[in-house]
Amino acid sequence: MIYSKEVFSKAENEIGRRHVRALADFEKRQKIIEDNAPEIAEVNRRLINTSIEISKIIMNKSVDITSALEKIKEENIKGQQLIRVLLDDFGYGE
């Protein structure tokens, strides 16, 4: 079946609208959780800074990149596990 450009355009607009709404809902839920559990906000900030840390490691030629990246990976896994525990502790478990 062949669809017109108009149908594709409408579908694309609807997908975009749903994406924006889902993102707004996510940000609202995240703010509520972080307001009630500031520890989660701190862990999230650390996880968000991962890309900055990786960039610094790559640019620092005197560092063993493999072991430094492995350390970041382990820290991120621990951070994700801590968030799961904190979410459960504050009643936001799955």
PDB file of N, CA and C in Angstrom:
ATOM      1  N   MET A   1       0.848  -1.175   0.000  1.00  0.00           N
ATOM      2  CA  MET A   1       0.000   0.000   0.000  1.00  0.00           C
ATOM      3  C   MET A   1       0.894   1.238   0.000  1.00  0.00           C
ATOM      4  N   ILE A   2       0.585   2.178  -0.826  1.00  0.00           N
ATOM      5  CA  ILE A   2       1.358   3.407  -0.940  1.00  0.00           C
ATOM      6  C   ILE A   2       0.618   4.527  -0.210  1.00  0.00           C
ATOM      7  N   TYR A   3       1.360   5.235   0.653  1.00  0.00           N
ATOM      8  CA  TYR A   3       0.778   6.339   1.402  1.00  0.00           C
ATOM      9  C   TYR A   3       1.272   7.658   0.829  1.00  0.00           C
ATOM     10  N   SER A   4       0.431   8.665   0.913  1.00  0.00           N
ATOM     11  CA  SER A   4       0.803   9.984   0.405  1.00  0.00           C
ATOM     12  C   SER A   4       1.769  10.668   1.359  1.00  0.00           C
ATOM     13  N   LYS A   5       2.409  11.704   0.845  1.00  0.00           N
ATOM     14  CA  LYS A   5       3.323  12.487   1.673  1.00  0.00           C
ATOM     15  C   LYS A   5       2.571  13.131   2.829  1.00  0.00           C
ATOM     16  N   GLU A   6       1.320  13.466   2.612  1.00  0.00           N
ATOM     17  CA  GLU A   6       0.502  14.082   3.660  1.00  0.00           C
ATOM     18  C   GLU A   6       0.313  13.128   4.838  1.00  0.00           C
ATOM     19  N   VAL A   7       0.082  11.858   4.543  1.00  0.00           N
ATOM     20  CA  VAL A   7      -0.095  10.859   5.607  1.00  0.00           C
ATOM     21  C   VAL A   7       1.192  10.711   6.405  1.00  0.00           C
ATOM     22  N   PHE A   8       2.319  10.644   5.704  1.00  0.00           N
ATOM     23  CA  PHE A   8       3.601  10.541   6.394  1.00  0.00           C
ATOM     24  C   PHE A   8       3.868  11.788   7.242  1.00  0.00           C
ATOM     25  N   SER A   9       3.531  12.944   6.709  1.00  0.00           N
ATOM     26  CA  SER A   9       3.735  14.193   7.433  1.00  0.00           C
ATOM     27  C   SER A   9       2.900  14.219   8.711  1.00  0.00           C
ATOM     28  N   LYS A  10       1.628  13.809   8.594  1.00  0.00           N
ATOM     29  CA  LYS A  10       0.755  13.767   9.771  1.00  0.00           C
ATOM     30  C   LYS A  10       1.284  12.780  10.814  1.00  0.00           C
ATOM     31  N   ALA A  11       1.738  11.637  10.343  1.00  0.00           N
ATOM     32  CA  ALA A  11       2.279  10.625  11.262  1.00  0.00           C
ATOM     33  C   ALA A  11       3.531  11.150  11.959  1.00  0.00           C
ATOM     34  N   GLU A  12       4.392  11.783  11.191  1.00  0.00           N
ATOM     35  CA  GLU A  12       5.619  12.342  11.758  1.00  0.00           C
ATOM     36  C   GLU A  12       5.302  13.425  12.792  1.00  0.00           C
ATOM     37  N   ASN A  13       4.334  14.276  12.501  1.00  0.00           N
ATOM     38  CA  ASN A  13       3.924  15.321  13.450  1.00  0.00           C
ATOM     39  C   ASN A  13       3.356  14.714  14.726  1.00  0.00           C
ATOM     40  N   GLU A  14       2.549  13.667  14.585  1.00  0.00           N
ATOM     41  CA  GLU A  14       1.961  13.008  15.751  1.00  0.00           C
ATOM     42  C   GLU A  14       3.048  12.360  16.615  1.00  0.00           C
ATOM     43  N   ILE A  15       3.997  11.715  15.979  1.00  0.00           N
ATOM     44  CA  ILE A  15       5.107  11.107  16.718  1.00  0.00           C
ATOM     45  C   ILE A  15       5.892  12.191  17.459  1.00  0.00           C
ATOM     46  N   GLY A  16       6.159  13.293  16.800  1.00  0.00           N
ATOM     47  CA  GLY A  16       6.859  14.409  17.443  1.00  0.00           C
ATOM     48  C   GLY A  16       6.090  14.958  18.626  1.00  0.00           C
ATOM     49  N   ARG A  17       4.772  15.115  18.462  1.00  0.00           N
ATOM     50  CA  ARG A  17       3.927  15.625  19.545  1.00  0.00           C
ATOM     51  C   ARG A  17       3.948  14.670  20.741  1.00  0.00           C
ATOM     52  N   ARG A  18       3.839  13.382  20.469  1.00  0.00           N
ATOM     53  CA  ARG A  18       3.862  12.386  21.548  1.00  0.00           C
ATOM     54  C   ARG A  18       5.222  12.368  22.249  1.00  0.00           C
ATOM     55  N   HIS A  19       6.285  12.536  21.484  1.00  0.00           N
ATOM     56  CA  HIS A  19       7.627  12.561  22.065  1.00  0.00           C
ATOM     57  C   HIS A  19       7.777  13.744  23.019  1.00  0.00           C
ATOM     58  N   VAL A  20       7.334  14.903  22.589  1.00  0.00           N
ATOM     59  CA  VAL A  20       7.429  16.097  23.435  1.00  0.00           C
ATOM     60  C   VAL A  20       6.621  15.897  24.714  1.00  0.00           C
ATOM     61  N   ARG A  21       5.420  15.347  24.595  1.00  0.00           N
ATOM     62  CA  ARG A  21       4.575  15.115  25.773  1.00  0.00           C
ATOM     63  C   ARG A  21       5.218  14.091  26.714  1.00  0.00           C
ATOM     64  N   ALA A  22       5.762  13.014  26.160  1.00  0.00           N
ATOM     65  CA  ALA A  22       6.408  11.988  26.985  1.00  0.00           C
ATOM     66  C   ALA A  22       7.629  12.562  27.701  1.00  0.00           C
ATOM     67  N   LEU A  23       8.397  13.392  27.006  1.00  0.00           N
ATOM     68  CA  LEU A  23       9.572  14.005  27.617  1.00  0.00           C
ATOM     69  C   LEU A  23       9.161  14.932  28.762  1.00  0.00           C
ATOM     70  N   ALA A  24       8.114  15.721  28.556  1.00  0.00           N
ATOM     71  CA  ALA A  24       7.624  16.613  29.615  1.00  0.00           C
ATOM     72  C   ALA A  24       7.135  15.808  30.812  1.00  0.00           C
ATOM     73  N   ASP A  25       6.415  14.714  30.559  1.00  0.00           N
ATOM     74  CA  ASP A  25       5.938  13.852  31.651  1.00  0.00           C
ATOM     75  C   ASP A  25       7.110  13.249  32.414  1.00  0.00           C
ATOM     76  N   PHE A  26       8.125  12.788  31.688  1.00  0.00           N
ATOM     77  CA  PHE A  26       9.313  12.219  32.325  1.00  0.00           C
ATOM     78  C   PHE A  26       9.995  13.250  33.213  1.00  0.00           C
ATOM     79  N   GLU A  27      10.189  14.453  32.693  1.00  0.00           N
ATOM     80  CA  GLU A  27      10.876  15.496  33.463  1.00  0.00           C
ATOM     81  C   GLU A  27      10.080  15.864  34.713  1.00  0.00           C
ATOM     82  N   LYS A  28       8.758  15.872  34.607  1.00  0.00           N
ATOM     83  CA  LYS A  28       7.919  16.168  35.766  1.00  0.00           C
ATOM     84  C   LYS A  28       8.061  15.080  36.829  1.00  0.00           C
ATOM     85  N   ARG A  29       7.998  13.807  36.394  1.00  0.00           N
ATOM     86  CA  ARG A  29       8.154  12.692  37.344  1.00  0.00           C
ATOM     87  C   ARG A  29       9.548  12.694  37.969  1.00  0.00           C
ATOM     88  N   GLN A  30      10.562  12.975  37.147  1.00  0.00           N
ATOM     89  CA  GLN A  30      11.927  13.002  37.657  1.00  0.00           C
ATOM     90  C   GLN A  30      12.084  14.091  38.718  1.00  0.00           C
ATOM     91  N   LYS A  31      11.501  15.254  38.484  1.00  0.00           N
ATOM     92  CA  LYS A  31      11.597  16.348  39.457  1.00  0.00           C
ATOM     93  C   LYS A  31      10.913  15.967  40.768  1.00  0.00           C
ATOM     94  N   ILE A  32       9.758  15.349  40.688  1.00  0.00           N
ATOM     95  CA  ILE A  32       9.046  14.923  41.899  1.00  0.00           C
ATOM     96  C   ILE A  32       9.906  13.940  42.695  1.00  0.00           C
ATOM     97  N   ILE A  33      10.467  12.965  41.997  1.00  0.00           N
ATOM     98  CA  ILE A  33      11.302  11.962  42.664  1.00  0.00           C
ATOM     99  C   ILE A  33      12.533  12.614  43.279  1.00  0.00           C
ATOM    100  N   GLU A  34      13.201  13.479  42.514  1.00  0.00           N
ATOM    101  CA  GLU A  34      14.421  14.105  43.027  1.00  0.00           C
ATOM    102  C   GLU A  34      14.125  15.083  44.161  1.00  0.00           C
ATOM    103  N   ASP A  35      12.947  15.709  44.166  1.00  0.00           N
ATOM    104  CA  ASP A  35      12.567  16.574  45.290  1.00  0.00           C
ATOM    105  C   ASP A  35      12.353  15.755  46.557  1.00  0.00           C
ATOM    106  N   ASN A  36      11.799  14.546  46.393  1.00  0.00           N
ATOM    107  CA  ASN A  36      11.543  13.679  47.544  1.00  0.00           C
ATOM    108  C   ASN A  36      12.757  12.858  47.948  1.00  0.00           C
ATOM    109  N   ALA A  37      13.672  12.671  47.037  1.00  0.00           N
ATOM    110  CA  ALA A  37      14.871  11.857  47.297  1.00  0.00           C
ATOM    111  C   ALA A  37      16.080  12.556  46.691  1.00  0.00           C
ATOM    112  N   PRO A  38      16.599  13.590  47.353  1.00  0.00           N
ATOM    113  CA  PRO A  38      17.715  14.356  46.797  1.00  0.00           C
ATOM    114  C   PRO A  38      18.964  13.510  46.526  1.00  0.00           C
ATOM    115  N   GLU A  39      19.084  12.385  47.217  1.00  0.00           N
ATOM    116  CA  GLU A  39      20.228  11.503  46.973  1.00  0.00           C
ATOM    117  C   GLU A  39      20.213  11.013  45.525  1.00  0.00           C
ATOM    118  N   ILE A  40      19.025  10.768  45.002  1.00  0.00           N
ATOM    119  CA  ILE A  40      18.894  10.312  43.618  1.00  0.00           C
ATOM    120  C   ILE A  40      19.362  11.402  42.665  1.00  0.00           C
ATOM    121  N   ALA A  41      19.028  12.645  42.970  1.00  0.00           N
ATOM    122  CA  ALA A  41      19.466  13.766  42.127  1.00  0.00           C
ATOM    123  C   ALA A  41      20.988  13.824  42.068  1.00  0.00           C
ATOM    124  N   GLU A  42      21.635  13.603  43.204  1.00  0.00           N
ATOM    125  CA  GLU A  42      23.098  13.647  43.247  1.00  0.00           C
ATOM    126  C   GLU A  42      23.705  12.519  42.415  1.00  0.00           C
ATOM    127  N   VAL A  43      23.164  11.314  42.540  1.00  0.00           N
ATOM    128  CA  VAL A  43      23.678  10.188  41.761  1.00  0.00           C
ATOM    129  C   VAL A  43      23.445  10.448  40.271  1.00  0.00           C
ATOM    130  N   ASN A  44      22.285  10.968  39.923  1.00  0.00           N
ATOM    131  CA  ASN A  44      22.005  11.297  38.522  1.00  0.00           C
ATOM    132  C   ASN A  44      23.002  12.313  37.983  1.00  0.00           C
ATOM    133  N   ARG A  45      23.340  13.308  38.774  1.00  0.00           N
ATOM    134  CA  ARG A  45      24.321  14.307  38.339  1.00  0.00           C
ATOM    135  C   ARG A  45      25.679  13.646  38.069  1.00  0.00           C
ATOM    136  N   ARG A  46      26.067  12.735  38.951  1.00  0.00           N
ATOM    137  CA  ARG A  46      27.342  12.036  38.738  1.00  0.00           C
ATOM    138  C   ARG A  46      27.316  11.207  37.462  1.00  0.00           C
ATOM    139  N   LEU A  47      26.196  10.539  37.213  1.00  0.00           N
ATOM    140  CA  LEU A  47      26.080   9.722  36.006  1.00  0.00           C
ATOM    141  C   LEU A  47      26.082  10.591  34.749  1.00  0.00           C
ATOM    142  N   ILE A  48      25.440  11.736  34.815  1.00  0.00           N
ATOM    143  CA  ILE A  48      25.384  12.649  33.675  1.00  0.00           C
ATOM    144  C   ILE A  48      26.774  13.153  33.318  1.00  0.00           C
ATOM    145  N   ASN A  49      27.634  13.330  34.306  1.00  0.00           N
ATOM    146  CA  ASN A  49      28.984  13.843  34.069  1.00  0.00           C
ATOM    147  C   ASN A  49      29.939  12.797  33.501  1.00  0.00           C
ATOM    148  N   THR A  50      29.460  11.595  33.276  1.00  0.00           N
ATOM    149  CA  THR A  50      30.306  10.522  32.759  1.00  0.00           C
ATOM    150  C   THR A  50      30.980  10.909  31.448  1.00  0.00           C
ATOM    151  N   SER A  51      30.239  11.510  30.533  1.00  0.00           N
ATOM    152  CA  SER A  51      30.829  11.840  29.231  1.00  0.00           C
ATOM    153  C   SER A  51      31.956  12.856  29.373  1.00  0.00           C
ATOM    154  N   ILE A  52      31.828  13.764  30.311  1.00  0.00           N
ATOM    155  CA  ILE A  52      32.896  14.738  30.561  1.00  0.00           C
ATOM    156  C   ILE A  52      34.135  14.015  31.086  1.00  0.00           C
ATOM    157  N   GLU A  53      33.935  13.104  32.017  1.00  0.00           N
ATOM    158  CA  GLU A  53      35.050  12.344  32.575  1.00  0.00           C
ATOM    159  C   GLU A  53      35.741  11.505  31.492  1.00  0.00           C
ATOM    160  N   ILE A  54      34.947  10.897  30.630  1.00  0.00           N
ATOM    161  CA  ILE A  54      35.532  10.096  29.548  1.00  0.00           C
ATOM    162  C   ILE A  54      36.361  10.984  28.621  1.00  0.00           C
ATOM    163  N   SER A  55      35.860  12.151  28.298  1.00  0.00           N
ATOM    164  CA  SER A  55      36.615  13.086  27.443  1.00  0.00           C
ATOM    165  C   SER A  55      37.941  13.465  28.082  1.00  0.00           C
ATOM    166  N   LYS A  56      37.924  13.730  29.379  1.00  0.00           N
ATOM    167  CA  LYS A  56      39.159  14.084  30.083  1.00  0.00           C
ATOM    168  C   LYS A  56      40.165  12.937  30.037  1.00  0.00           C
ATOM    169  N   ILE A  57      39.667  11.717  30.221  1.00  0.00           N
ATOM    170  CA  ILE A  57      40.548  10.548  30.196  1.00  0.00           C
ATOM    171  C   ILE A  57      41.190  10.396  28.825  1.00  0.00           C
ATOM    172  N   ILE A  58      40.395  10.527  27.787  1.00  0.00           N
ATOM    173  CA  ILE A  58      40.902  10.358  26.425  1.00  0.00           C
ATOM    174  C   ILE A  58      41.948  11.420  26.095  1.00  0.00           C
ATOM    175  N   MET A  59      41.738  12.628  26.572  1.00  0.00           N
ATOM    176  CA  MET A  59      42.662  13.719  26.259  1.00  0.00           C
ATOM    177  C   MET A  59      43.940  13.657  27.088  1.00  0.00           C
ATOM    178  N   ASN A  60      43.903  12.967  28.230  1.00  0.00           N
ATOM    179  CA  ASN A  60      45.069  12.842  29.088  1.00  0.00           C
ATOM    180  C   ASN A  60      45.895  11.645  28.619  1.00  0.00           C
ATOM    181  N   LYS A  61      46.953  11.913  27.922  1.00  0.00           N
ATOM    182  CA  LYS A  61      47.759  10.848  27.309  1.00  0.00           C
ATOM    183  C   LYS A  61      48.510   9.993  28.327  1.00  0.00           C
ATOM    184  N   SER A  62      48.669  10.486  29.543  1.00  0.00           N
ATOM    185  CA  SER A  62      49.463   9.744  30.526  1.00  0.00           C
ATOM    186  C   SER A  62      48.624   8.756  31.350  1.00  0.00           C
ATOM    187  N   VAL A  63      47.362   8.625  31.021  1.00  0.00           N
ATOM    188  CA  VAL A  63      46.471   7.746  31.776  1.00  0.00           C
ATOM    189  C   VAL A  63      46.244   6.450  30.995  1.00  0.00           C
ATOM    190  N   ASP A  64      46.157   5.346  31.720  1.00  0.00           N
ATOM    191  CA  ASP A  64      45.795   4.068  31.106  1.00  0.00           C
ATOM    192  C   ASP A  64      44.292   4.117  30.827  1.00  0.00           C
ATOM    193  N   ILE A  65      43.956   4.332  29.565  1.00  0.00           N
ATOM    194  CA  ILE A  65      42.565   4.559  29.171  1.00  0.00           C
ATOM    195  C   ILE A  65      41.682   3.365  29.530  1.00  0.00           C
ATOM    196  N   THR A  66      42.141   2.179  29.258  1.00  0.00           N
ATOM    197  CA  THR A  66      41.327   0.985  29.506  1.00  0.00           C
ATOM    198  C   THR A  66      40.944   0.855  30.969  1.00  0.00           C
ATOM    199  N   SER A  67      41.908   0.979  31.861  1.00  0.00           N
ATOM    200  CA  SER A  67      41.587   0.831  33.286  1.00  0.00           C
ATOM    201  C   SER A  67      40.755   2.004  33.789  1.00  0.00           C
ATOM    202  N   ALA A  68      41.010   3.210  33.278  1.00  0.00           N
ATOM    203  CA  ALA A  68      40.227   4.377  33.699  1.00  0.00           C
ATOM    204  C   ALA A  68      38.770   4.239  33.251  1.00  0.00           C
ATOM    205  N   LEU A  69      38.564   3.750  32.025  1.00  0.00           N
ATOM    206  CA  LEU A  69      37.192   3.556  31.539  1.00  0.00           C
ATOM    207  C   LEU A  69      36.495   2.438  32.309  1.00  0.00           C
ATOM    208  N   GLU A  70      37.244   1.409  32.653  1.00  0.00           N
ATOM    209  CA  GLU A  70      36.672   0.316  33.441  1.00  0.00           C
ATOM    210  C   GLU A  70      36.230   0.830  34.810  1.00  0.00           C
ATOM    211  N   LYS A  71      37.029   1.705  35.407  1.00  0.00           N
ATOM    212  CA  LYS A  71      36.677   2.283  36.706  1.00  0.00           C
ATOM    213  C   LYS A  71      35.390   3.109  36.584  1.00  0.00           C
ATOM    214  N   ILE A  72      35.278   3.902  35.528  1.00  0.00           N
ATOM    215  CA  ILE A  72      34.060   4.697  35.318  1.00  0.00           C
ATOM    216  C   ILE A  72      32.858   3.773  35.118  1.00  0.00           C
ATOM    217  N   LYS A  73      33.063   2.716  34.354  1.00  0.00           N
ATOM    218  CA  LYS A  73      31.979   1.757  34.127  1.00  0.00           C
ATOM    219  C   LYS A  73      31.492   1.169  35.450  1.00  0.00           C
ATOM    220  N   GLU A  74      32.427   0.756  36.298  1.00  0.00           N
ATOM    221  CA  GLU A  74      32.066   0.189  37.600  1.00  0.00           C
ATOM    222  C   GLU A  74      31.346   1.205  38.469  1.00  0.00           C
ATOM    223  N   GLU A  75      31.817   2.457  38.462  1.00  0.00           N
ATOM    224  CA  GLU A  75      31.168   3.502  39.246  1.00  0.00           C
ATOM    225  C   GLU A  75      29.743   3.757  38.740  1.00  0.00           C
ATOM    226  N   ASN A  76      29.563   3.729  37.430  1.00  0.00           N
ATOM    227  CA  ASN A  76      28.231   3.936  36.867  1.00  0.00           C
ATOM    228  C   ASN A  76      27.280   2.806  37.231  1.00  0.00           C
ATOM    229  N   ILE A  77      27.784   1.581  37.188  1.00  0.00           N
ATOM    230  CA  ILE A  77      26.950   0.440  37.572  1.00  0.00           C
ATOM    231  C   ILE A  77      26.540   0.565  39.034  1.00  0.00           C
ATOM    232  N   LYS A  78      27.497   0.933  39.899  1.00  0.00           N
ATOM    233  CA  LYS A  78      27.173   1.131  41.316  1.00  0.00           C
ATOM    234  C   LYS A  78      26.149   2.253  41.482  1.00  0.00           C
ATOM    235  N   GLY A  79      26.290   3.319  40.707  1.00  0.00           N
ATOM    236  CA  GLY A  79      25.341   4.433  40.766  1.00  0.00           C
ATOM    237  C   GLY A  79      23.947   3.995  40.356  1.00  0.00           C
ATOM    238  N   GLN A  80      23.852   3.205  39.293  1.00  0.00           N
ATOM    239  CA  GLN A  80      22.553   2.702  38.845  1.00  0.00           C
ATOM    240  C   GLN A  80      21.929   1.794  39.893  1.00  0.00           C
ATOM    241  N   GLN A  81      22.751   0.959  40.514  1.00  0.00           N
ATOM    242  CA  GLN A  81      22.241   0.070  41.568  1.00  0.00           C
ATOM    243  C   GLN A  81      21.755   0.881  42.768  1.00  0.00           C
ATOM    244  N   LEU A  82      22.499   1.922  43.120  1.00  0.00           N
ATOM    245  CA  LEU A  82      22.107   2.785  44.238  1.00  0.00           C
ATOM    246  C   LEU A  82      20.780   3.475  43.939  1.00  0.00           C
ATOM    247  N   ILE A  83      20.602   3.935  42.712  1.00  0.00           N
ATOM    248  CA  ILE A  83      19.336   4.573  42.351  1.00  0.00           C
ATOM    249  C   ILE A  83      18.186   3.590  42.507  1.00  0.00           C
ATOM    250  N   ARG A  84      18.379   2.340  42.086  1.00  0.00           N
ATOM    251  CA  ARG A  84      17.317   1.331  42.237  1.00  0.00           C
ATOM    252  C   ARG A  84      16.952   1.147  43.716  1.00  0.00           C
ATOM    253  N   VAL A  85      17.976   1.062  44.577  1.00  0.00           N
ATOM    254  CA  VAL A  85      17.739   0.888  46.008  1.00  0.00           C
ATOM    255  C   VAL A  85      17.012   2.106  46.569  1.00  0.00           C
ATOM    256  N   LEU A  86      17.478   3.304  46.213  1.00  0.00           N
ATOM    257  CA  LEU A  86      16.852   4.525  46.715  1.00  0.00           C
ATOM    258  C   LEU A  86      15.413   4.650  46.228  1.00  0.00           C
ATOM    259  N   LEU A  87      15.166   4.300  44.969  1.00  0.00           N
ATOM    260  CA  LEU A  87      13.790   4.346  44.467  1.00  0.00           C
ATOM    261  C   LEU A  87      12.894   3.420  45.279  1.00  0.00           C
ATOM    262  N   ASP A  88      13.388   2.222  45.567  1.00  0.00           N
ATOM    263  CA  ASP A  88      12.623   1.292  46.403  1.00  0.00           C
ATOM    264  C   ASP A  88      12.400   1.871  47.801  1.00  0.00           C
ATOM    265  N   ASP A  89      13.465   2.420  48.385  1.00  0.00           N
ATOM    266  CA  ASP A  89      13.378   2.991  49.730  1.00  0.00           C
ATOM    267  C   ASP A  89      12.358   4.116  49.819  1.00  0.00           C
ATOM    268  N   PHE A  90      12.237   4.900  48.759  1.00  0.00           N
ATOM    269  CA  PHE A  90      11.312   6.032  48.769  1.00  0.00           C
ATOM    270  C   PHE A  90       9.960   5.678  48.149  1.00  0.00           C
ATOM    271  N   GLY A  91       9.725   4.385  47.896  1.00  0.00           N
ATOM    272  CA  GLY A  91       8.417   3.951  47.404  1.00  0.00           C
ATOM    273  C   GLY A  91       8.196   4.134  45.920  1.00  0.00           C
ATOM    274  N   TYR A  92       9.264   4.282  45.146  1.00  0.00           N
ATOM    275  CA  TYR A  92       9.136   4.449  43.698  1.00  0.00           C
ATOM    276  C   TYR A  92       9.603   3.225  42.941  1.00  0.00           C
ATOM    277  N   GLY A  93       9.589   2.070  43.583  1.00  0.00           N
ATOM    278  CA  GLY A  93      10.063   0.854  42.929  1.00  0.00           C
ATOM    279  C   GLY A  93       9.199   0.481  41.742  1.00  0.00           C
ATOM    280  N   GLU A  94       9.699  -0.471  40.984  1.00  0.00           N
ATOM    281  CA  GLU A  94       8.992  -0.899  39.770  1.00  0.00           C
ATOM    282  C   GLU A  94       7.701  -1.452  40.132  1.00  0.00           C
TER     283      GLU A  94
END
